[in-house]
PDB file of N, CA and C in Angstrom:
ATOM      1  N   MET A   1     -48.329 -23.552 -37.712  1.00  0.00           N
ATOM      2  CA  MET A   1     -49.185 -22.964 -36.686  1.00  0.00           C
ATOM      3  C   MET A   1     -48.995 -21.442 -36.729  1.00  0.00           C
ATOM      4  N   ASN A   2     -50.085 -20.740 -36.701  1.00  0.00           N
ATOM      5  CA  ASN A   2     -49.960 -19.282 -36.792  1.00  0.00           C
ATOM      6  C   ASN A   2     -49.766 -18.656 -35.409  1.00  0.00           C
ATOM      7  N   MET A   3     -49.426 -17.398 -35.437  1.00  0.00           N
ATOM      8  CA  MET A   3     -49.105 -16.666 -34.214  1.00  0.00           C
ATOM      9  C   MET A   3     -50.295 -16.621 -33.253  1.00  0.00           C
ATOM     10  N   GLN A   4     -51.491 -16.520 -33.780  1.00  0.00           N
ATOM     11  CA  GLN A   4     -52.683 -16.458 -32.939  1.00  0.00           C
ATOM     12  C   GLN A   4     -52.869 -17.769 -32.164  1.00  0.00           C
ATOM     13  N   ASN A   5     -52.622 -18.894 -32.826  1.00  0.00           N
ATOM     14  CA  ASN A   5     -52.731 -20.184 -32.141  1.00  0.00           C
ATOM     15  C   ASN A   5     -51.657 -20.333 -31.067  1.00  0.00           C
ATOM     16  N   LEU A   6     -50.450 -19.887 -31.376  1.00  0.00           N
ATOM     17  CA  LEU A   6     -49.366 -19.936 -30.388  1.00  0.00           C
ATOM     18  C   LEU A   6     -49.701 -19.097 -29.161  1.00  0.00           C
ATOM     19  N   LEU A   7     -50.240 -17.925 -29.387  1.00  0.00           N
ATOM     20  CA  LEU A   7     -50.623 -17.044 -28.287  1.00  0.00           C
ATOM     21  C   LEU A   7     -51.728 -17.686 -27.447  1.00  0.00           C
ATOM     22  N   ALA A   8     -52.693 -18.291 -28.102  1.00  0.00           N
ATOM     23  CA  ALA A   8     -53.790 -18.955 -27.387  1.00  0.00           C
ATOM     24  C   ALA A   8     -53.250 -20.112 -26.551  1.00  0.00           C
ATOM     25  N   GLN A   9     -52.313 -20.885 -27.108  1.00  0.00           N
ATOM     26  CA  GLN A   9     -51.720 -21.992 -26.361  1.00  0.00           C
ATOM     27  C   GLN A   9     -50.931 -21.485 -25.160  1.00  0.00           C
ATOM     28  N   ALA A  10     -50.187 -20.414 -25.347  1.00  0.00           N
ATOM     29  CA  ALA A  10     -49.407 -19.838 -24.251  1.00  0.00           C
ATOM     30  C   ALA A  10     -50.316 -19.331 -23.142  1.00  0.00           C
ATOM     31  N   GLN A  11     -51.418 -18.709 -23.508  1.00  0.00           N
ATOM     32  CA  GLN A  11     -52.359 -18.204 -22.507  1.00  0.00           C
ATOM     33  C   GLN A  11     -53.007 -19.352 -21.740  1.00  0.00           C
ATOM     34  N   LYS A  12     -53.347 -20.434 -22.453  1.00  0.00           N
ATOM     35  CA  LYS A  12     -53.934 -21.601 -21.783  1.00  0.00           C
ATOM     36  C   LYS A  12     -52.927 -22.217 -20.821  1.00  0.00           C
ATOM     37  N   MET A  13     -51.671 -22.334 -21.262  1.00  0.00           N
ATOM     38  CA  MET A  13     -50.630 -22.898 -20.416  1.00  0.00           C
ATOM     39  C   MET A  13     -50.436 -22.041 -19.167  1.00  0.00           C
ATOM     40  N   GLN A  14     -50.440 -20.731 -19.339  1.00  0.00           N
ATOM     41  CA  GLN A  14     -50.278 -19.819 -18.209  1.00  0.00           C
ATOM     42  C   GLN A  14     -51.450 -19.973 -17.231  1.00  0.00           C
ATOM     43  N   LYS A  15     -52.659 -20.096 -17.752  1.00  0.00           N
ATOM     44  CA  LYS A  15     -53.848 -20.275 -16.917  1.00  0.00           C
ATOM     45  C   LYS A  15     -53.773 -21.607 -16.166  1.00  0.00           C
ATOM     46  N   ASP A  16     -53.362 -22.667 -16.864  1.00  0.00           N
ATOM     47  CA  ASP A  16     -53.243 -23.983 -16.235  1.00  0.00           C
ATOM     48  C   ASP A  16     -52.179 -23.984 -15.142  1.00  0.00           C
ATOM     49  N   LEU A  17     -51.052 -23.317 -15.400  1.00  0.00           N
ATOM     50  CA  LEU A  17     -49.999 -23.229 -14.383  1.00  0.00           C
ATOM     51  C   LEU A  17     -50.469 -22.472 -13.149  1.00  0.00           C
ATOM     52  N   LYS A  18     -51.180 -21.378 -13.365  1.00  0.00           N
ATOM     53  CA  LYS A  18     -51.675 -20.588 -12.231  1.00  0.00           C
ATOM     54  C   LYS A  18     -52.629 -21.424 -11.381  1.00  0.00           C
ATOM     55  N   LYS A  19     -53.522 -22.158 -12.036  1.00  0.00           N
ATOM     56  CA  LYS A  19     -54.467 -22.999 -11.303  1.00  0.00           C
ATOM     57  C   LYS A  19     -53.719 -24.081 -10.526  1.00  0.00           C
ATOM     58  N   ALA A  20     -52.737 -24.711 -11.160  1.00  0.00           N
ATOM     59  CA  ALA A  20     -51.955 -25.755 -10.500  1.00  0.00           C
ATOM     60  C   ALA A  20     -51.181 -25.193  -9.312  1.00  0.00           C
ATOM     61  N   GLN A  21     -50.627 -23.991  -9.454  1.00  0.00           N
ATOM     62  CA  GLN A  21     -49.903 -23.357  -8.348  1.00  0.00           C
ATOM     63  C   GLN A  21     -50.841 -23.078  -7.182  1.00  0.00           C
ATOM     64  N   GLU A  22     -52.050 -22.621  -7.472  1.00  0.00           N
ATOM     65  CA  GLU A  22     -53.022 -22.347  -6.416  1.00  0.00           C
ATOM     66  C   GLU A  22     -53.412 -23.629  -5.689  1.00  0.00           C
ATOM     67  N   GLU A  23     -53.581 -24.711  -6.453  1.00  0.00           N
ATOM     68  CA  GLU A  23     -53.909 -25.995  -5.833  1.00  0.00           C
ATOM     69  C   GLU A  23     -52.745 -26.505  -4.988  1.00  0.00           C
ATOM     70  N   LEU A  24     -51.526 -26.366  -5.510  1.00  0.00           N
ATOM     71  CA  LEU A  24     -50.349 -26.795  -4.772  1.00  0.00           C
ATOM     72  C   LEU A  24     -50.201 -26.018  -3.470  1.00  0.00           C
ATOM     73  N   ALA A  25     -50.509 -24.735  -3.486  1.00  0.00           N
ATOM     74  CA  ALA A  25     -50.390 -23.898  -2.287  1.00  0.00           C
ATOM     75  C   ALA A  25     -51.263 -24.407  -1.150  1.00  0.00           C
ATOM     76  N   GLN A  26     -52.364 -25.087  -1.483  1.00  0.00           N
ATOM     77  CA  GLN A  26     -53.271 -25.604  -0.461  1.00  0.00           C
ATOM     78  C   GLN A  26     -52.911 -27.018  -0.001  1.00  0.00           C
ATOM     79  N   GLU A  27     -52.069 -27.693  -0.789  1.00  0.00           N
ATOM     80  CA  GLU A  27     -51.686 -29.059  -0.461  1.00  0.00           C
ATOM     81  C   GLU A  27     -50.747 -29.076   0.742  1.00  0.00           C
ATOM     82  N   GLU A  28     -50.875 -30.111   1.572  1.00  0.00           N
ATOM     83  CA  GLU A  28     -50.032 -30.244   2.749  1.00  0.00           C
ATOM     84  C   GLU A  28     -48.940 -31.279   2.498  1.00  0.00           C
ATOM     85  N   PHE A  29     -47.724 -30.949   2.949  1.00  0.00           N
ATOM     86  CA  PHE A  29     -46.577 -31.831   2.846  1.00  0.00           C
ATOM     87  C   PHE A  29     -46.102 -32.117   4.262  1.00  0.00           C
ATOM     88  N   SER A  30     -46.284 -33.345   4.695  1.00  0.00           N
ATOM     89  CA  SER A  30     -45.975 -33.736   6.069  1.00  0.00           C
ATOM     90  C   SER A  30     -44.793 -34.704   6.072  1.00  0.00           C
ATOM     91  N   VAL A  31     -43.860 -34.472   6.998  1.00  0.00           N
ATOM     92  CA  VAL A  31     -42.705 -35.352   7.162  1.00  0.00           C
ATOM     93  C   VAL A  31     -42.542 -35.625   8.652  1.00  0.00           C
ATOM     94  N   THR A  32     -42.350 -36.905   8.982  1.00  0.00           N
ATOM     95  CA  THR A  32     -42.095 -37.307  10.363  1.00  0.00           C
ATOM     96  C   THR A  32     -40.706 -37.911  10.446  1.00  0.00           C
ATOM     97  N   LYS A  33     -39.963 -37.518  11.456  1.00  0.00           N
ATOM     98  CA  LYS A  33     -38.620 -38.037  11.679  1.00  0.00           C
ATOM     99  C   LYS A  33     -38.543 -38.694  13.051  1.00  0.00           C
ATOM    100  N   GLY A  34     -38.025 -39.905  13.068  1.00  0.00           N
ATOM    101  CA  GLY A  34     -37.802 -40.619  14.319  1.00  0.00           C
ATOM    102  C   GLY A  34     -39.071 -40.890  15.106  1.00  0.00           C
ATOM    103  N   GLY A  35     -40.216 -40.739  14.469  1.00  0.00           N
ATOM    104  CA  GLY A  35     -41.480 -40.918  15.175  1.00  0.00           C
ATOM    105  C   GLY A  35     -41.720 -39.867  16.237  1.00  0.00           C
ATOM    106  N   ALA A  36     -40.851 -38.861  16.285  1.00  0.00           N
ATOM    107  CA  ALA A  36     -40.913 -37.882  17.365  1.00  0.00           C
ATOM    108  C   ALA A  36     -41.212 -36.468  16.894  1.00  0.00           C
ATOM    109  N   ILE A  37     -40.864 -36.166  15.649  1.00  0.00           N
ATOM    110  CA  ILE A  37     -41.023 -34.813  15.116  1.00  0.00           C
ATOM    111  C   ILE A  37     -41.839 -34.901  13.831  1.00  0.00           C
ATOM    112  N   THR A  38     -42.902 -34.108  13.739  1.00  0.00           N
ATOM    113  CA  THR A  38     -43.667 -34.026  12.499  1.00  0.00           C
ATOM    114  C   THR A  38     -43.753 -32.569  12.084  1.00  0.00           C
ATOM    115  N   ILE A  39     -43.353 -32.314  10.839  1.00  0.00           N
ATOM    116  CA  ILE A  39     -43.381 -30.976  10.254  1.00  0.00           C
ATOM    117  C   ILE A  39     -44.404 -31.000   9.129  1.00  0.00           C
ATOM    118  N   VAL A  40     -45.244 -29.973   9.053  1.00  0.00           N
ATOM    119  CA  VAL A  40     -46.211 -29.876   7.964  1.00  0.00           C
ATOM    120  C   VAL A  40     -46.077 -28.511   7.302  1.00  0.00           C
ATOM    121  N   PHE A  41     -45.827 -28.524   6.002  1.00  0.00           N
ATOM    122  CA  PHE A  41     -45.778 -27.321   5.189  1.00  0.00           C
ATOM    123  C   PHE A  41     -46.924 -27.339   4.207  1.00  0.00           C
ATOM    124  N   TYR A  42     -47.371 -26.146   3.820  1.00  0.00           N
ATOM    125  CA  TYR A  42     -48.245 -26.030   2.660  1.00  0.00           C
ATOM    126  C   TYR A  42     -47.361 -25.976   1.424  1.00  0.00           C
ATOM    127  N   GLY A  43     -47.936 -26.238   0.272  1.00  0.00           N
ATOM    128  CA  GLY A  43     -47.186 -26.251  -0.973  1.00  0.00           C
ATOM    129  C   GLY A  43     -46.560 -24.926  -1.348  1.00  0.00           C
ATOM    130  N   ASP A  44     -47.006 -23.841  -0.741  1.00  0.00           N
ATOM    131  CA  ASP A  44     -46.388 -22.535  -1.011  1.00  0.00           C
ATOM    132  C   ASP A  44     -45.260 -22.239  -0.018  1.00  0.00           C
ATOM    133  N   ARG A  45     -44.833 -23.289   0.693  1.00  0.00           N
ATOM    134  CA  ARG A  45     -43.720 -23.252   1.640  1.00  0.00           C
ATOM    135  C   ARG A  45     -44.034 -22.534   2.955  1.00  0.00           C
ATOM    136  N   LYS A  46     -45.294 -22.305   3.225  1.00  0.00           N
ATOM    137  CA  LYS A  46     -45.668 -21.751   4.532  1.00  0.00           C
ATOM    138  C   LYS A  46     -45.763 -22.903   5.520  1.00  0.00           C
ATOM    139  N   LEU A  47     -45.149 -22.706   6.669  1.00  0.00           N
ATOM    140  CA  LEU A  47     -45.151 -23.730   7.707  1.00  0.00           C
ATOM    141  C   LEU A  47     -46.518 -23.787   8.362  1.00  0.00           C
ATOM    142  N   LYS A  48     -47.116 -24.957   8.364  1.00  0.00           N
ATOM    143  CA  LYS A  48     -48.417 -25.132   9.013  1.00  0.00           C
ATOM    144  C   LYS A  48     -48.230 -25.513  10.478  1.00  0.00           C
ATOM    145  N   SER A  49     -47.359 -26.508  10.734  1.00  0.00           N
ATOM    146  CA  SER A  49     -47.200 -26.941  12.121  1.00  0.00           C
ATOM    147  C   SER A  49     -45.912 -27.721  12.331  1.00  0.00           C
ATOM    148  N   ILE A  50     -45.493 -27.727  13.592  1.00  0.00           N
ATOM    149  CA  ILE A  50     -44.399 -28.573  14.068  1.00  0.00           C
ATOM    150  C   ILE A  50     -44.944 -29.281  15.301  1.00  0.00           C
ATOM    151  N   ASP A  51     -44.879 -30.602  15.276  1.00  0.00           N
ATOM    152  CA  ASP A  51     -45.355 -31.379  16.423  1.00  0.00           C
ATOM    153  C   ASP A  51     -44.181 -32.167  16.990  1.00  0.00           C
ATOM    154  N   ILE A  52     -43.946 -32.003  18.278  1.00  0.00           N
ATOM    155  CA  ILE A  52     -42.863 -32.723  18.958  1.00  0.00           C
ATOM    156  C   ILE A  52     -43.492 -33.656  19.983  1.00  0.00           C
ATOM    157  N   GLU A  53     -43.164 -34.922  19.875  1.00  0.00           N
ATOM    158  CA  GLU A  53     -43.660 -35.926  20.818  1.00  0.00           C
ATOM    159  C   GLU A  53     -43.157 -35.555  22.221  1.00  0.00           C
ATOM    160  N   PRO A  54     -44.065 -35.375  23.186  1.00  0.00           N
ATOM    161  CA  PRO A  54     -43.663 -34.942  24.531  1.00  0.00           C
ATOM    162  C   PRO A  54     -42.605 -35.829  25.183  1.00  0.00           C
ATOM    163  N   SER A  55     -42.602 -37.100  24.870  1.00  0.00           N
ATOM    164  CA  SER A  55     -41.642 -38.004  25.528  1.00  0.00           C
ATOM    165  C   SER A  55     -40.188 -37.711  25.175  1.00  0.00           C
ATOM    166  N   VAL A  56     -39.938 -36.982  24.084  1.00  0.00           N
ATOM    167  CA  VAL A  56     -38.555 -36.661  23.715  1.00  0.00           C
ATOM    168  C   VAL A  56     -38.105 -35.303  24.250  1.00  0.00           C
ATOM    169  N   LEU A  57     -38.997 -34.588  24.897  1.00  0.00           N
ATOM    170  CA  LEU A  57     -38.673 -33.253  25.383  1.00  0.00           C
ATOM    171  C   LEU A  57     -37.883 -33.310  26.696  1.00  0.00           C
ATOM    172  N   LYS A  58     -36.636 -33.698  26.541  1.00  0.00           N
ATOM    173  CA  LYS A  58     -35.710 -33.736  27.669  1.00  0.00           C
ATOM    174  C   LYS A  58     -34.484 -32.944  27.248  1.00  0.00           C
ATOM    175  N   ILE A  59     -33.861 -32.290  28.169  1.00  0.00           N
ATOM    176  CA  ILE A  59     -32.713 -31.426  27.866  1.00  0.00           C
ATOM    177  C   ILE A  59     -31.603 -32.171  27.133  1.00  0.00           C
ATOM    178  N   ASP A  60     -31.409 -33.440  27.475  1.00  0.00           N
ATOM    179  CA  ASP A  60     -30.334 -34.186  26.816  1.00  0.00           C
ATOM    180  C   ASP A  60     -30.708 -34.611  25.387  1.00  0.00           C
ATOM    181  N   ASN A  61     -31.935 -34.353  24.956  1.00  0.00           N
ATOM    182  CA  ASN A  61     -32.366 -34.652  23.593  1.00  0.00           C
ATOM    183  C   ASN A  61     -32.363 -33.417  22.679  1.00  0.00           C
ATOM    184  N   LYS A  62     -31.907 -32.294  23.206  1.00  0.00           N
ATOM    185  CA  LYS A  62     -31.974 -31.034  22.467  1.00  0.00           C
ATOM    186  C   LYS A  62     -31.350 -31.132  21.076  1.00  0.00           C
ATOM    187  N   GLU A  63     -30.127 -31.614  20.980  1.00  0.00           N
ATOM    188  CA  GLU A  63     -29.445 -31.692  19.681  1.00  0.00           C
ATOM    189  C   GLU A  63     -30.152 -32.663  18.734  1.00  0.00           C
ATOM    190  N   MET A  64     -30.630 -33.778  19.265  1.00  0.00           N
ATOM    191  CA  MET A  64     -31.343 -34.755  18.448  1.00  0.00           C
ATOM    192  C   MET A  64     -32.634 -34.137  17.894  1.00  0.00           C
ATOM    193  N   ILE A  65     -33.364 -33.422  18.720  1.00  0.00           N
ATOM    194  CA  ILE A  65     -34.609 -32.783  18.286  1.00  0.00           C
ATOM    195  C   ILE A  65     -34.320 -31.741  17.216  1.00  0.00           C
ATOM    196  N   GLU A  66     -33.308 -30.930  17.440  1.00  0.00           N
ATOM    197  CA  GLU A  66     -32.946 -29.912  16.445  1.00  0.00           C
ATOM    198  C   GLU A  66     -32.579 -30.551  15.109  1.00  0.00           C
ATOM    199  N   GLU A  67     -31.830 -31.637  15.149  1.00  0.00           N
ATOM    200  CA  GLU A  67     -31.424 -32.324  13.916  1.00  0.00           C
ATOM    201  C   GLU A  67     -32.642 -32.932  13.207  1.00  0.00           C
ATOM    202  N   MET A  68     -33.556 -33.533  13.959  1.00  0.00           N
ATOM    203  CA  MET A  68     -34.762 -34.101  13.342  1.00  0.00           C
ATOM    204  C   MET A  68     -35.620 -33.018  12.704  1.00  0.00           C
ATOM    205  N   ILE A  69     -35.723 -31.860  13.361  1.00  0.00           N
ATOM    206  CA  ILE A  69     -36.480 -30.748  12.787  1.00  0.00           C
ATOM    207  C   ILE A  69     -35.826 -30.294  11.486  1.00  0.00           C
ATOM    208  N   LYS A  70     -34.523 -30.123  11.504  1.00  0.00           N
ATOM    209  CA  LYS A  70     -33.799 -29.706  10.302  1.00  0.00           C
ATOM    210  C   LYS A  70     -34.011 -30.703   9.162  1.00  0.00           C
ATOM    211  N   LEU A  71     -33.861 -31.986   9.444  1.00  0.00           N
ATOM    212  CA  LEU A  71     -34.039 -33.014   8.417  1.00  0.00           C
ATOM    213  C   LEU A  71     -35.469 -33.031   7.873  1.00  0.00           C
ATOM    214  N   ALA A  72     -36.432 -32.877   8.772  1.00  0.00           N
ATOM    215  CA  ALA A  72     -37.833 -32.887   8.343  1.00  0.00           C
ATOM    216  C   ALA A  72     -38.154 -31.679   7.466  1.00  0.00           C
ATOM    217  N   VAL A  73     -37.645 -30.510   7.841  1.00  0.00           N
ATOM    218  CA  VAL A  73     -37.870 -29.297   7.042  1.00  0.00           C
ATOM    219  C   VAL A  73     -37.244 -29.468   5.665  1.00  0.00           C
ATOM    220  N   ASP A  74     -35.998 -29.926   5.633  1.00  0.00           N
ATOM    221  CA  ASP A  74     -35.321 -30.131   4.352  1.00  0.00           C
ATOM    222  C   ASP A  74     -36.102 -31.094   3.458  1.00  0.00           C
ATOM    223  N   GLU A  75     -36.564 -32.192   4.032  1.00  0.00           N
ATOM    224  CA  GLU A  75     -37.292 -33.190   3.242  1.00  0.00           C
ATOM    225  C   GLU A  75     -38.627 -32.651   2.745  1.00  0.00           C
ATOM    226  N   ALA A  76     -39.343 -31.928   3.598  1.00  0.00           N
ATOM    227  CA  ALA A  76     -40.634 -31.360   3.183  1.00  0.00           C
ATOM    228  C   ALA A  76     -40.442 -30.371   2.041  1.00  0.00           C
ATOM    229  N   LEU A  77     -39.440 -29.506   2.137  1.00  0.00           N
ATOM    230  CA  LEU A  77     -39.185 -28.535   1.071  1.00  0.00           C
ATOM    231  C   LEU A  77     -38.762 -29.232  -0.221  1.00  0.00           C
ATOM    232  N   LYS A  78     -38.005 -30.305  -0.103  1.00  0.00           N
ATOM    233  CA  LYS A  78     -37.620 -31.086  -1.284  1.00  0.00           C
ATOM    234  C   LYS A  78     -38.867 -31.698  -1.931  1.00  0.00           C
ATOM    235  N   ASN A  79     -39.784 -32.218  -1.113  1.00  0.00           N
ATOM    236  CA  ASN A  79     -41.012 -32.810  -1.635  1.00  0.00           C
ATOM    237  C   ASN A  79     -41.862 -31.776  -2.366  1.00  0.00           C
ATOM    238  N   ILE A  80     -41.895 -30.556  -1.857  1.00  0.00           N
ATOM    239  CA  ILE A  80     -42.634 -29.481  -2.520  1.00  0.00           C
ATOM    240  C   ILE A  80     -41.995 -29.171  -3.870  1.00  0.00           C
ATOM    241  N   LYS A  81     -40.677 -29.107  -3.907  1.00  0.00           N
ATOM    242  CA  LYS A  81     -39.983 -28.828  -5.163  1.00  0.00           C
ATOM    243  C   LYS A  81     -40.272 -29.916  -6.192  1.00  0.00           C
ATOM    244  N   VAL A  82     -40.263 -31.165  -5.767  1.00  0.00           N
ATOM    245  CA  VAL A  82     -40.577 -32.275  -6.676  1.00  0.00           C
ATOM    246  C   VAL A  82     -41.997 -32.129  -7.217  1.00  0.00           C
ATOM    247  N   ALA A  83     -42.941 -31.768  -6.357  1.00  0.00           N
ATOM    248  CA  ALA A  83     -44.328 -31.580  -6.797  1.00  0.00           C
ATOM    249  C   ALA A  83     -44.420 -30.446  -7.813  1.00  0.00           C
ATOM    250  N   GLU A  84     -43.678 -29.361  -7.566  1.00  0.00           N
ATOM    251  CA  GLU A  84     -43.662 -28.243  -8.513  1.00  0.00           C
ATOM    252  C   GLU A  84     -43.106 -28.683  -9.863  1.00  0.00           C
ATOM    253  N   GLU A  85     -42.025 -29.442  -9.830  1.00  0.00           N
ATOM    254  CA  GLU A  85     -41.418 -29.905 -11.076  1.00  0.00           C
ATOM    255  C   GLU A  85     -42.354 -30.836 -11.843  1.00  0.00           C
ATOM    256  N   GLU A  86     -43.104 -31.665 -11.111  1.00  0.00           N
ATOM    257  CA  GLU A  86     -44.067 -32.558 -11.764  1.00  0.00           C
ATOM    258  C   GLU A  86     -45.176 -31.759 -12.445  1.00  0.00           C
ATOM    259  N   ILE A  87     -45.663 -30.730 -11.768  1.00  0.00           N
ATOM    260  CA  ILE A  87     -46.690 -29.860 -12.356  1.00  0.00           C
ATOM    261  C   ILE A  87     -46.132 -29.182 -13.598  1.00  0.00           C
ATOM    262  N   ASN A  88     -44.957 -28.631 -13.464  1.00  0.00           N
ATOM    263  CA  ASN A  88     -44.332 -27.922 -14.577  1.00  0.00           C
ATOM    264  C   ASN A  88     -44.141 -28.844 -15.778  1.00  0.00           C
ATOM    265  N   SER A  89     -43.642 -30.033 -15.521  1.00  0.00           N
ATOM    266  CA  SER A  89     -43.405 -30.992 -16.593  1.00  0.00           C
ATOM    267  C   SER A  89     -44.718 -31.400 -17.253  1.00  0.00           C
ATOM    268  N   ARG A  90     -45.746 -31.630 -16.439  1.00  0.00           N
ATOM    269  CA  ARG A  90     -47.052 -32.048 -16.970  1.00  0.00           C
ATOM    270  C   ARG A  90     -47.671 -30.975 -17.852  1.00  0.00           C
ATOM    271  N   ILE A  91     -47.558 -29.719 -17.442  1.00  0.00           N
ATOM    272  CA  ILE A  91     -48.243 -28.641 -18.152  1.00  0.00           C
ATOM    273  C   ILE A  91     -47.409 -28.089 -19.303  1.00  0.00           C
ATOM    274  N   THR A  92     -46.117 -27.926 -19.085  1.00  0.00           N
ATOM    275  CA  THR A  92     -45.291 -27.267 -20.102  1.00  0.00           C
ATOM    276  C   THR A  92     -44.383 -28.217 -20.864  1.00  0.00           C
ATOM    277  N   GLY A  93     -44.184 -29.401 -20.307  1.00  0.00           N
ATOM    278  CA  GLY A  93     -43.248 -30.317 -20.921  1.00  0.00           C
ATOM    279  C   GLY A  93     -41.816 -30.040 -20.515  1.00  0.00           C
ATOM    280  N   ARG A  94     -41.615 -29.051 -19.650  1.00  0.00           N
ATOM    281  CA  ARG A  94     -40.280 -28.702 -19.146  1.00  0.00           C
ATOM    282  C   ARG A  94     -40.234 -28.996 -17.663  1.00  0.00           C
ATOM    283  N   ALA A  95     -39.075 -29.403 -17.180  1.00  0.00           N
ATOM    284  CA  ALA A  95     -38.941 -29.774 -15.767  1.00  0.00           C
ATOM    285  C   ALA A  95     -38.496 -28.631 -14.874  1.00  0.00           C
ATOM    286  N   GLU A  96     -38.056 -27.511 -15.440  1.00  0.00           N
ATOM    287  CA  GLU A  96     -37.537 -26.434 -14.598  1.00  0.00           C
ATOM    288  C   GLU A  96     -38.010 -25.087 -15.111  1.00  0.00           C
ATOM    289  N   GLY A  97     -37.857 -24.098 -14.262  1.00  0.00           N
ATOM    290  CA  GLY A  97     -37.943 -22.736 -14.721  1.00  0.00           C
ATOM    291  C   GLY A  97     -39.237 -21.996 -14.503  1.00  0.00           C
ATOM    292  N   MET A  98     -40.341 -22.657 -14.419  1.00  0.00           N
ATOM    293  CA  MET A  98     -41.608 -21.934 -14.375  1.00  0.00           C
ATOM    294  C   MET A  98     -41.955 -21.423 -12.973  1.00  0.00           C
ATOM    295  N   PHE A  99     -41.386 -22.023 -11.938  1.00  0.00           N
ATOM    296  CA  PHE A  99     -41.715 -21.605 -10.584  1.00  0.00           C
ATOM    297  C   PHE A  99     -40.626 -20.733  -9.971  1.00  0.00           C
ATOM    298  N   GLY A 100     -39.629 -20.362 -10.737  1.00  0.00           N
ATOM    299  CA  GLY A 100     -38.584 -19.489 -10.237  1.00  0.00           C
ATOM    300  C   GLY A 100     -37.665 -20.149  -9.246  1.00  0.00           C
ATOM    301  N   ILE A 101     -37.428 -21.433  -9.407  1.00  0.00           N
ATOM    302  CA  ILE A 101     -36.560 -22.163  -8.482  1.00  0.00           C
ATOM    303  C   ILE A 101     -35.205 -22.342  -9.107  1.00  0.00           C
TER     304      ILE A 101
END
């Protein structure tokens, strides 16, 4: 394979990755914990919403609510990372490195 073909392949891969990243940025990742807390992130890790079931909003539930929020955020961010790795693997054949993680 000559250098020109390699360059063309690299440019196509870069274009495909950029398009996939843009699509991922619009995708929503939702996680619900305990049926009481729902966190929604976009694929670019911007927080879209946090929904707390009103019935759990009692002072004695404060620590439980905080823990559910933490767990939901962690899980949503993990799901985004998995989606990024799947895109990277599909386009480049590599599982890491292209998204700077």
